[in-house]
């Protein structure tokens, strides 16, 4: 077994070696080939199938149980979760040769920062991607130059809301009469905010792009990129985004109530009986099974509730034929409480809750003088919605940048090449519902700061 492992390890090493003179490879010996990166968006979709089978007595449910029932089988499918993850892999349609020579360190530094892709795939977390154009590439930028973008801050808000679906009980309009309590008589849907998480991220500002012919200043230029002062990547590939879709289950009062839906009524019918000289009416007693009215069922349910409460008091005080103690008493009281809750829901209704999570992005801009942004809106019907959906109440994100002081020392005009970079502004950020504050923090916002210059050498 150990020998087999050694042979397999040797084979793997041979497969991973760079092409040599004795290897019939696609690339030429002595040269390095690379591929430009491309982004693949991976969507992981989760759906739930429901297979409903109607009961054989479904069409009699209303008559004998007083509940509505579906009479046909059905199959439905709904979306429950979508997870999106951007990944980076090599674009095999954009491969190039490079004879780096002394420029190997610079070339490898580009690879380490995710600017080019030397591997054929992405085997880890999502990385950043952008490649400076070469001579053989028909690109937007000119050959022999490097373009970069200044960074900008995007504020990501992860919002969690709770939906409440309230279903009024079928006996709600009789609650005041038989129980002495007020009950809602109509269904309703409400939504409230339960959690907000704010995360600032940095990405490339495509409206602030610059060329630089770095030359000998390449190490200085790359050191700026490593410190986040400039942005060479086109995007921020952080953690995967996750959305949840709440669903409304619908009201269900079936099985709540132990009394029969039918009652017996007596009716007296008359028939004519012929005597010798005339016809006489003779009464005939006839019993019929009819459906109880809604108020009759409500009255019986209320009587059962009071009976359960009476039995609970008898158990607690010991006024019963049976003796309850220890766990037996606890179990009996729990069962009585569960039954009472079921019967009470027929009058006061019940609620179901669903949680919704959504991510919203806010990109601050210097052009906004007030620095107030509608981050998202909250709607009772739809939950968390986009900022441009006027059906919900707005939640406002306010930024207050701190003043940036003048630099000390003596300024001089740079000779030769220079790079533009940004110094971020420190901002106090506050999220409100228009009146009440939700959260507050301090973050650095690049695009609200100042742009400076760094000489790269003569």
Protein backbone atom coordinates (compact mmCIF):
# COMPACT_ATOMS: atom_id res chain seq x y z
CA UNK A 1 0.00 0.00 0.00
CA UNK A 2 2.86 2.40 0.83
CA UNK A 3 4.56 1.70 -2.51
CA UNK A 4 1.37 2.49 -4.36
CA UNK A 5 1.15 5.86 -2.62
CA UNK A 6 4.73 6.67 -3.61
CA UNK A 7 4.07 5.83 -7.28
CA UNK A 8 0.92 7.96 -7.35
CA UNK A 9 2.78 10.89 -5.77
CA UNK A 10 5.50 10.64 -8.42
CA UNK A 11 2.89 10.63 -11.20
CA UNK A 12 1.24 13.73 -9.75
CA UNK A 13 4.56 15.55 -9.58
CA UNK A 14 5.30 14.67 -13.18
CA UNK A 15 1.95 16.01 -14.32
CA UNK A 16 2.48 19.33 -12.51
CA UNK A 17 5.99 20.03 -13.89
CA UNK A 18 6.59 22.92 -16.27
CA UNK A 19 7.19 21.88 -19.91
CA UNK A 20 10.77 20.75 -20.65
CA UNK A 21 12.65 19.97 -23.86
CA UNK A 22 11.65 16.31 -23.74
CA UNK A 23 7.97 17.06 -23.23
CA UNK A 24 5.66 17.47 -26.22
CA UNK A 25 3.75 20.37 -24.70
CA UNK A 26 1.53 23.00 -26.19
CA UNK A 27 3.84 25.86 -25.09
CA UNK A 28 7.40 26.32 -26.26
CA UNK A 29 10.30 25.64 -23.93
CA UNK A 30 11.87 28.78 -22.50
CA UNK A 31 8.67 30.81 -22.62
CA UNK A 32 5.85 31.37 -20.17
CA UNK A 33 2.22 31.38 -21.21
CA UNK A 34 -0.61 32.83 -19.24
CA UNK A 35 -4.33 33.35 -19.62
CA UNK A 36 -6.42 36.36 -18.81
CA UNK A 37 -8.91 35.79 -16.01
CA UNK A 38 -12.65 35.60 -16.48
CA UNK A 39 -15.41 35.72 -13.89
CA UNK A 40 -18.00 32.98 -13.64
CA UNK A 41 -21.11 33.61 -11.57
CA UNK A 42 -22.21 30.42 -9.83
CA UNK A 43 -25.85 30.29 -8.73
CA UNK A 44 -26.82 27.63 -6.20
CA UNK A 45 -30.60 27.35 -6.37
CA UNK A 46 -32.78 25.57 -3.82
CA UNK A 47 -36.47 24.83 -4.47
CA UNK A 48 -39.14 23.00 -2.53
CA UNK A 49 -41.65 20.69 -4.20
CA UNK A 50 -45.01 20.04 -2.59
CA UNK A 51 -47.01 16.99 -3.58
CA UNK A 52 -50.52 17.30 -2.18
CA UNK A 53 -52.90 14.34 -2.15
CA UNK A 54 -56.57 15.06 -1.52
CA UNK A 55 -58.38 12.89 0.99
CA UNK A 56 -61.09 10.49 -0.21
CA UNK A 57 -63.64 12.24 2.06
CA UNK A 58 -62.62 15.77 1.07
CA UNK A 59 -66.02 16.72 -0.35
CA UNK A 60 -67.69 15.86 2.97
CA UNK A 61 -65.27 17.91 5.14
CA UNK A 62 -67.45 21.00 5.17
CA UNK A 63 -70.56 19.06 6.12
CA UNK A 64 -69.19 16.88 8.90
CA UNK A 65 -66.16 18.87 10.15
CA UNK A 66 -67.01 22.44 9.18
CA UNK A 67 -63.70 22.98 7.35
CA UNK A 68 -62.84 23.62 3.71
CA UNK A 69 -60.74 20.95 2.01
CA UNK A 70 -59.12 20.64 -1.41
CA UNK A 71 -60.72 17.92 -3.49
CA UNK A 72 -58.01 17.43 -6.15
CA UNK A 73 -54.36 16.40 -6.05
CA UNK A 74 -51.80 19.07 -6.98
CA UNK A 75 -48.06 19.61 -7.34
CA UNK A 76 -46.41 22.97 -6.70
CA UNK A 77 -42.83 24.24 -6.57
CA UNK A 78 -41.46 27.37 -4.94
CA UNK A 79 -38.05 28.98 -4.70
CA UNK A 80 -36.64 28.85 -1.16
CA UNK A 81 -33.00 29.94 -1.46
CA UNK A 82 -30.56 31.35 -4.04
CA UNK A 83 -26.85 31.62 -3.28
CA UNK A 84 -24.60 33.58 -5.67
CA UNK A 85 -20.80 33.21 -5.64
CA UNK A 86 -18.47 34.88 -8.18
CA UNK A 87 -15.43 32.75 -9.06
CA UNK A 88 -12.37 33.47 -11.20
CA UNK A 89 -10.93 31.06 -13.72
CA UNK A 90 -8.56 31.18 -16.69
CA UNK A 91 -10.05 32.32 -20.01
CA UNK A 92 -8.65 29.72 -22.40
CA UNK A 93 -9.63 31.85 -25.38
CA UNK A 94 -7.25 34.61 -24.26
CA UNK A 95 -3.82 33.00 -23.78
CA UNK A 96 -0.51 34.82 -24.40
CA UNK A 97 3.22 34.22 -24.39
CA UNK A 98 5.64 36.38 -22.44
CA UNK A 99 9.44 36.25 -22.38
CA UNK A 100 9.77 37.95 -19.04
CA UNK A 101 13.52 37.83 -18.55
CA UNK A 102 14.49 40.27 -15.83
CA UNK A 103 10.86 41.26 -15.52
CA UNK A 104 9.91 37.94 -13.94
CA UNK A 105 9.50 39.45 -10.43
CA UNK A 106 7.13 42.12 -11.78
CA UNK A 107 5.25 39.52 -13.82
CA UNK A 108 4.85 37.22 -10.83
CA UNK A 109 3.76 40.14 -8.63
CA UNK A 110 0.92 40.76 -11.06
CA UNK A 111 -0.08 37.11 -10.76
CA UNK A 112 0.02 37.20 -6.95
CA UNK A 113 -2.31 40.21 -6.91
CA UNK A 114 -4.85 38.55 -9.17
CA UNK A 115 -4.15 40.75 -12.20
CA UNK A 116 -3.42 37.82 -14.50
CA UNK A 117 -4.26 34.13 -14.22
CA UNK A 118 -1.45 31.59 -14.61
CA UNK A 119 -3.47 28.66 -13.28
CA UNK A 120 -6.30 27.13 -15.29
CA UNK A 121 -8.94 27.40 -12.60
CA UNK A 122 -10.01 28.79 -9.30
CA UNK A 123 -9.49 26.26 -6.53
CA UNK A 124 -10.06 28.50 -3.53
CA UNK A 125 -11.93 31.62 -2.65
CA UNK A 126 -13.03 34.06 -5.31
CA UNK A 127 -10.17 36.38 -6.28
CA UNK A 128 -9.82 39.71 -8.00
CA UNK A 129 -9.28 40.04 -11.74
CA UNK A 130 -7.91 42.57 -14.21
CA UNK A 131 -5.00 42.43 -16.68
CA UNK A 132 -2.89 45.27 -18.03
CA UNK A 133 -3.08 45.04 -21.85
CA UNK A 134 -0.17 43.60 -23.87
CA UNK A 135 0.88 44.16 -27.48
CA UNK A 136 -1.13 41.23 -28.82
CA UNK A 137 -4.36 42.29 -27.10
CA UNK A 138 -6.97 44.50 -28.73
CA UNK A 139 -7.89 46.15 -25.44
CA UNK A 140 -9.39 49.41 -24.34
CA UNK A 141 -6.05 50.67 -22.97
CA UNK A 142 -2.95 51.39 -25.04
CA UNK A 143 -0.11 48.87 -25.25
CA UNK A 144 2.86 49.62 -23.05
CA UNK A 145 0.86 51.43 -20.37
CA UNK A 146 -0.91 50.36 -17.21
CA UNK A 147 -4.29 51.70 -16.18
CA UNK A 148 -5.71 51.67 -12.70
CA UNK A 149 -8.75 52.98 -10.87
CA UNK A 150 -9.05 54.88 -7.63
CA UNK A 151 -10.91 53.11 -4.83
CA UNK A 152 -14.42 53.91 -3.70
CA UNK A 153 -16.32 52.74 -0.64
CA UNK A 154 -19.61 50.88 -0.93
CA UNK A 155 -21.72 50.46 2.20
CA UNK A 156 -23.38 47.04 2.27
CA UNK A 157 -26.42 46.70 4.52
CA UNK A 158 -27.61 43.21 5.39
CA UNK A 159 -31.21 43.66 6.51
CA UNK A 160 -33.29 41.07 8.34
CA UNK A 161 -37.04 41.53 8.70
CA UNK A 162 -39.78 39.46 10.28
CA UNK A 163 -43.14 38.96 8.58
CA UNK A 164 -46.21 38.29 10.68
CA UNK A 165 -49.16 36.64 8.97
CA UNK A 166 -52.19 36.89 11.27
CA UNK A 167 -55.24 34.73 10.61
CA UNK A 168 -58.49 35.72 12.29
CA UNK A 169 -60.42 32.90 13.97
CA UNK A 170 -63.69 31.67 12.44
CA UNK A 171 -65.53 32.53 15.70
CA UNK A 172 -63.91 35.97 16.06
CA UNK A 173 -67.20 37.91 15.88
CA UNK A 174 -68.60 35.84 18.75
CA UNK A 175 -65.54 36.29 21.05
CA UNK A 176 -66.98 39.30 22.86
CA UNK A 177 -70.35 37.59 23.39
CA UNK A 178 -69.20 34.20 24.69
CA UNK A 179 -65.71 34.91 26.13
CA UNK A 180 -65.78 38.63 26.91
CA UNK A 181 -62.61 39.34 24.91
CA UNK A 182 -61.98 41.52 21.87
CA UNK A 183 -60.66 39.73 18.79
CA UNK A 184 -59.54 40.84 15.34
CA UNK A 185 -62.00 39.77 12.67
CA UNK A 186 -59.80 40.19 9.57
CA UNK A 187 -56.53 38.67 8.44
CA UNK A 188 -53.52 40.98 8.23
CA UNK A 189 -49.85 40.97 7.25
CA UNK A 190 -47.21 43.12 8.95
CA UNK A 191 -43.43 43.38 8.74
CA UNK A 192 -40.90 44.71 11.22
CA UNK A 193 -37.14 45.19 11.18
CA UNK A 194 -35.25 42.75 13.42
CA UNK A 195 -31.57 43.15 12.49
CA UNK A 196 -29.32 45.38 10.34
CA UNK A 197 -25.66 44.64 9.67
CA UNK A 198 -23.49 47.27 7.98
CA UNK A 199 -20.22 46.39 6.22
CA UNK A 200 -18.08 48.87 4.22
CA UNK A 201 -16.33 47.37 1.19
CA UNK A 202 -13.81 48.82 -1.26
CA UNK A 203 -14.08 48.48 -5.03
CA UNK A 204 -12.73 50.19 -8.14
CA UNK A 205 -14.26 53.55 -9.09
CA UNK A 206 -14.67 53.18 -12.86
CA UNK A 207 -15.27 56.93 -13.20
CA UNK A 208 -11.74 57.67 -11.92
CA UNK A 209 -9.30 55.72 -14.10
CA UNK A 210 -5.70 56.77 -14.87
CA UNK A 211 -2.75 55.67 -17.00
CA UNK A 212 0.72 55.31 -15.55
CA UNK A 213 4.03 54.35 -17.21
CA UNK A 214 5.67 53.20 -14.06
CA UNK A 215 9.04 52.04 -15.35
CA UNK A 216 11.47 51.76 -12.45
CA UNK A 217 8.72 52.91 -10.11
CA UNK A 218 6.81 49.63 -10.41
CA UNK A 219 7.65 48.48 -6.83
CA UNK A 220 6.39 51.82 -5.44
CA UNK A 221 3.27 51.61 -7.59
CA UNK A 222 2.48 48.06 -6.44
CA UNK A 223 3.07 49.02 -2.79
CA UNK A 224 0.25 51.54 -3.15
CA UNK A 225 -2.03 48.80 -4.42
CA UNK A 226 -1.18 46.52 -1.50
CA UNK A 227 -2.10 49.32 0.95
CA UNK A 228 -5.43 49.98 -0.70
CA UNK A 229 -4.55 53.50 -1.89
CA UNK A 230 -5.26 52.64 -5.51
CA UNK A 231 -7.48 49.90 -6.91
CA UNK A 232 -6.26 47.78 -9.82
CA UNK A 233 -9.05 45.20 -9.51
CA UNK A 234 -12.47 45.86 -11.04
CA UNK A 235 -14.56 44.61 -8.12
CA UNK A 236 -14.76 43.33 -4.60
CA UNK A 237 -15.25 39.56 -4.43
CA UNK A 238 -16.08 39.06 -0.78
CA UNK A 239 -18.33 36.47 0.80
CA UNK A 240 -21.18 34.92 -1.14
CA UNK A 241 -24.48 36.79 -1.14
CA UNK A 242 -27.48 34.96 0.25
CA UNK A 243 -31.15 35.76 -0.24
CA UNK A 244 -34.11 34.11 1.48
CA UNK A 245 -37.63 34.15 0.14
CA UNK A 246 -40.40 33.93 2.77
CA UNK A 247 -43.64 32.22 1.84
CA UNK A 248 -47.16 32.52 3.21
CA UNK A 249 -48.49 29.18 4.39
CA UNK A 250 -52.17 30.14 4.73
CA UNK A 251 -54.53 29.76 7.65
CA UNK A 252 -55.26 26.33 9.09
CA UNK A 253 -57.98 25.84 11.69
CA UNK A 254 -58.63 22.20 10.77
CA UNK A 255 -58.64 19.79 13.69
CA UNK A 256 -59.05 22.55 16.31
CA UNK A 257 -62.22 21.66 18.18
CA UNK A 258 -63.54 18.33 19.39
CA UNK A 259 -67.27 18.90 19.07
CA UNK A 260 -69.30 17.46 16.22
CA UNK A 261 -70.36 19.71 13.37
CA UNK A 262 -73.80 18.08 13.21
CA UNK A 263 -76.82 18.19 15.46
CA UNK A 264 -80.23 16.55 15.55
CA UNK A 265 -83.46 18.42 15.07
CA UNK A 266 -87.01 17.16 15.49
CA UNK A 267 -89.72 18.16 13.04
CA UNK A 268 -93.41 17.29 13.08
CA UNK A 269 -94.91 16.39 9.75
CA UNK A 270 -98.57 15.90 9.06
CA UNK A 271 -100.25 13.49 6.77
CA UNK A 272 -103.87 13.13 5.79
CA UNK A 273 -105.78 10.07 7.02
CA UNK A 274 -109.15 9.30 5.50
CA UNK A 275 -111.94 8.38 7.87
CA UNK A 276 -115.39 7.27 6.91
CA UNK A 277 -116.61 10.72 6.00
CA UNK A 278 -113.54 13.07 6.05
CA UNK A 279 -109.75 13.54 6.00
CA UNK A 280 -107.92 14.20 9.29
CA UNK A 281 -104.30 15.47 9.83
CA UNK A 282 -102.18 13.11 11.87
CA UNK A 283 -98.82 14.26 13.27
CA UNK A 284 -95.72 12.18 12.42
CA UNK A 285 -92.46 12.73 14.34
CA UNK A 286 -89.35 12.79 12.12
CA UNK A 287 -85.71 13.30 13.18
CA UNK A 288 -83.23 14.96 10.77
CA UNK A 289 -79.46 15.49 10.86
CA UNK A 290 -78.60 19.09 9.94
CA UNK A 291 -75.44 21.17 10.00
CA UNK A 292 -74.89 23.38 13.04
CA UNK A 293 -74.76 27.11 12.58
CA UNK A 294 -71.51 29.01 13.11
CA UNK A 295 -72.80 30.57 16.31
CA UNK A 296 -73.83 27.19 17.72
CA UNK A 297 -70.32 25.86 17.17
CA UNK A 298 -68.83 29.01 18.74
CA UNK A 299 -71.07 28.56 21.78
CA UNK A 300 -69.97 24.95 22.21
CA UNK A 301 -66.30 25.89 21.84
CA UNK A 302 -66.65 28.61 24.48
CA UNK A 303 -68.35 26.11 26.83
CA UNK A 304 -65.43 23.71 26.32
CA UNK A 305 -62.92 26.47 27.16
CA UNK A 306 -64.66 27.23 30.46
CA UNK A 307 -64.88 23.52 31.21
CA UNK A 308 -61.13 23.12 30.66
CA UNK A 309 -60.38 26.06 32.95
CA UNK A 310 -62.64 24.57 35.62
CA UNK A 311 -60.87 21.20 35.40
CA UNK A 312 -57.47 22.91 35.68
CA UNK A 313 -58.53 24.59 38.92
CA UNK A 314 -59.85 21.28 40.25
CA UNK A 315 -56.55 19.52 39.51
CA UNK A 316 -54.51 22.28 41.13
CA UNK A 317 -56.69 22.39 44.25
CA UNK A 318 -57.08 18.60 44.46
CA UNK A 319 -60.86 18.73 44.02
CA UNK A 320 -60.94 15.63 41.78
CA UNK A 321 -61.56 11.93 42.16
CA UNK A 322 -58.10 11.18 40.72
CA UNK A 323 -54.89 12.15 42.48
CA UNK A 324 -52.22 14.06 40.55
CA UNK A 325 -48.71 14.67 41.81
CA UNK A 326 -45.24 15.36 40.46
CA UNK A 327 -44.81 14.85 36.72
CA UNK A 328 -48.37 13.58 36.31
CA UNK A 329 -49.79 16.92 37.43
CA UNK A 330 -47.43 18.84 35.16
CA UNK A 331 -48.32 16.71 32.15
CA UNK A 332 -52.06 17.06 32.81
CA UNK A 333 -51.84 20.83 33.16
CA UNK A 334 -49.74 21.07 29.97
CA UNK A 335 -52.28 19.08 27.98
CA UNK A 336 -55.14 21.22 29.29
CA UNK A 337 -53.22 24.40 28.41
CA UNK A 338 -52.58 23.11 24.85
CA UNK A 339 -56.27 22.28 24.37
CA UNK A 340 -57.33 25.66 25.71
CA UNK A 341 -54.88 27.41 23.35
CA UNK A 342 -56.34 25.54 20.36
CA UNK A 343 -59.90 26.46 21.26
CA UNK A 344 -58.94 30.07 21.98
CA UNK A 345 -57.31 30.37 18.54
CA UNK A 346 -60.72 29.70 17.02
CA UNK A 347 -61.81 33.03 18.58
CA UNK A 348 -58.69 35.22 18.77
CA UNK A 349 -56.83 33.77 15.76
CA UNK A 350 -53.13 32.97 15.50
CA UNK A 351 -49.97 34.27 13.83
CA UNK A 352 -47.19 32.71 11.75
CA UNK A 353 -43.77 34.31 11.38
CA UNK A 354 -41.26 34.24 8.53
CA UNK A 355 -37.79 35.80 8.35
CA UNK A 356 -36.47 37.62 5.27
CA UNK A 357 -32.84 38.61 4.66
CA UNK A 358 -31.76 41.04 1.95
CA UNK A 359 -28.56 42.93 1.04
CA UNK A 360 -28.66 46.56 -0.05
CA UNK A 361 -25.74 48.60 -1.43
CA UNK A 362 -25.23 52.35 -0.96
CA UNK A 363 -22.47 54.13 -2.93
CA UNK A 364 -21.84 57.62 -1.49
CA UNK A 365 -21.17 60.44 -3.95
CA UNK A 366 -19.57 63.86 -3.56
CA UNK A 367 -22.32 65.34 -5.71
CA UNK A 368 -24.88 64.66 -2.97
CA UNK A 369 -24.65 67.81 -0.84
CA UNK A 370 -26.88 66.51 1.98
CA UNK A 371 -25.17 63.09 2.08
CA UNK A 372 -28.53 61.44 2.78
CA UNK A 373 -29.44 58.25 0.92
CA UNK A 374 -32.50 56.00 0.94
CA UNK A 375 -30.88 52.66 1.74
CA UNK A 376 -34.03 50.50 1.47
CA UNK A 377 -37.74 50.51 2.20
CA UNK A 378 -39.92 48.34 4.43
CA UNK A 379 -43.37 47.26 3.28
CA UNK A 380 -45.95 45.27 5.23
CA UNK A 381 -46.93 43.34 2.12
CA UNK A 382 -43.53 42.75 0.47
CA UNK A 383 -41.06 43.12 3.34
CA UNK A 384 -37.68 44.67 2.53
CA UNK A 385 -37.83 46.27 -0.93
CA UNK A 386 -35.51 48.41 -3.06
CA UNK A 387 -35.05 52.13 -2.47
CA UNK A 388 -37.02 53.04 -5.59
CA UNK A 389 -40.07 51.01 -4.52
CA UNK A 390 -42.37 53.68 -3.07
CA UNK A 391 -44.76 51.12 -1.55
CA UNK A 392 -42.65 50.91 1.61
CA UNK A 393 -41.47 53.29 4.33
CA UNK A 394 -37.93 54.63 3.68
CA UNK A 395 -34.89 54.00 5.86
CA UNK A 396 -32.32 56.76 5.44
CA UNK A 397 -28.52 56.48 5.63
CA UNK A 398 -26.85 59.73 6.69
CA UNK A 399 -23.10 60.42 6.32
CA UNK A 400 -21.24 63.24 8.06
CA UNK A 401 -17.65 63.53 6.74
CA UNK A 402 -15.03 64.98 9.06
CA UNK A 403 -12.92 67.84 7.69
CA UNK A 404 -9.57 66.86 6.18
CA UNK A 405 -6.76 69.09 7.37
CA UNK A 406 -4.09 70.68 5.21
CA UNK A 407 -0.85 68.70 4.83
CA UNK A 408 2.12 70.04 6.80
CA UNK A 409 5.45 70.75 5.12
CA UNK A 410 6.40 72.16 1.75
CA UNK A 411 4.70 70.95 -1.42
CA UNK A 412 6.68 70.63 -4.65
CA UNK A 413 5.68 69.78 -8.22
CA UNK A 414 6.67 66.22 -9.11
CA UNK A 415 9.08 65.71 -12.00
CA UNK A 416 8.43 62.71 -14.18
CA UNK A 417 5.76 60.10 -13.73
CA UNK A 418 3.38 60.22 -10.77
CA UNK A 419 0.37 58.25 -9.58
CA UNK A 420 -2.90 59.62 -8.27
CA UNK A 421 -4.25 58.14 -5.05
CA UNK A 422 -7.03 58.89 -2.60
CA UNK A 423 -6.95 59.71 1.08
CA UNK A 424 -10.34 58.64 2.55
CA UNK A 425 -12.58 60.81 4.65
CA UNK A 426 -13.62 59.52 8.05
CA UNK A 427 -17.42 59.68 8.23
CA UNK A 428 -19.99 59.23 10.95
CA UNK A 429 -22.71 57.01 9.49
CA UNK A 430 -26.21 56.76 10.91
CA UNK A 431 -29.21 54.72 9.76
CA UNK A 432 -32.67 56.00 10.75
CA UNK A 433 -36.29 55.35 9.90
CA UNK A 434 -36.75 59.08 9.47
CA UNK A 435 -37.21 59.66 13.22
CA UNK A 436 -35.57 56.97 15.34
CA UNK A 437 -31.89 55.96 14.95
CA UNK A 438 -31.28 52.30 14.11
CA UNK A 439 -27.46 52.08 14.18
CA UNK A 440 -24.43 54.36 14.10
CA UNK A 441 -20.75 53.82 13.24
CA UNK A 442 -17.58 55.44 11.85
CA UNK A 443 -16.11 54.30 8.54
CA UNK A 444 -13.61 55.52 5.93
CA UNK A 445 -15.16 56.62 2.63
CA UNK A 446 -12.62 57.02 -0.18
CA UNK A 447 -14.68 59.02 -2.70
CA UNK A 448 -15.51 61.68 -0.10
CA UNK A 449 -11.82 62.25 0.65
CA UNK A 450 -9.08 64.08 -1.32
CA UNK A 451 -6.91 63.00 -4.25
CA UNK A 452 -3.12 63.24 -3.88
CA UNK A 453 -0.07 62.55 -6.05
CA UNK A 454 2.89 60.24 -5.56
CA UNK A 455 6.06 60.60 -7.69
CA UNK A 456 7.22 57.36 -9.28
CA UNK A 457 10.69 58.53 -10.28
CA UNK A 458 12.27 60.44 -13.11
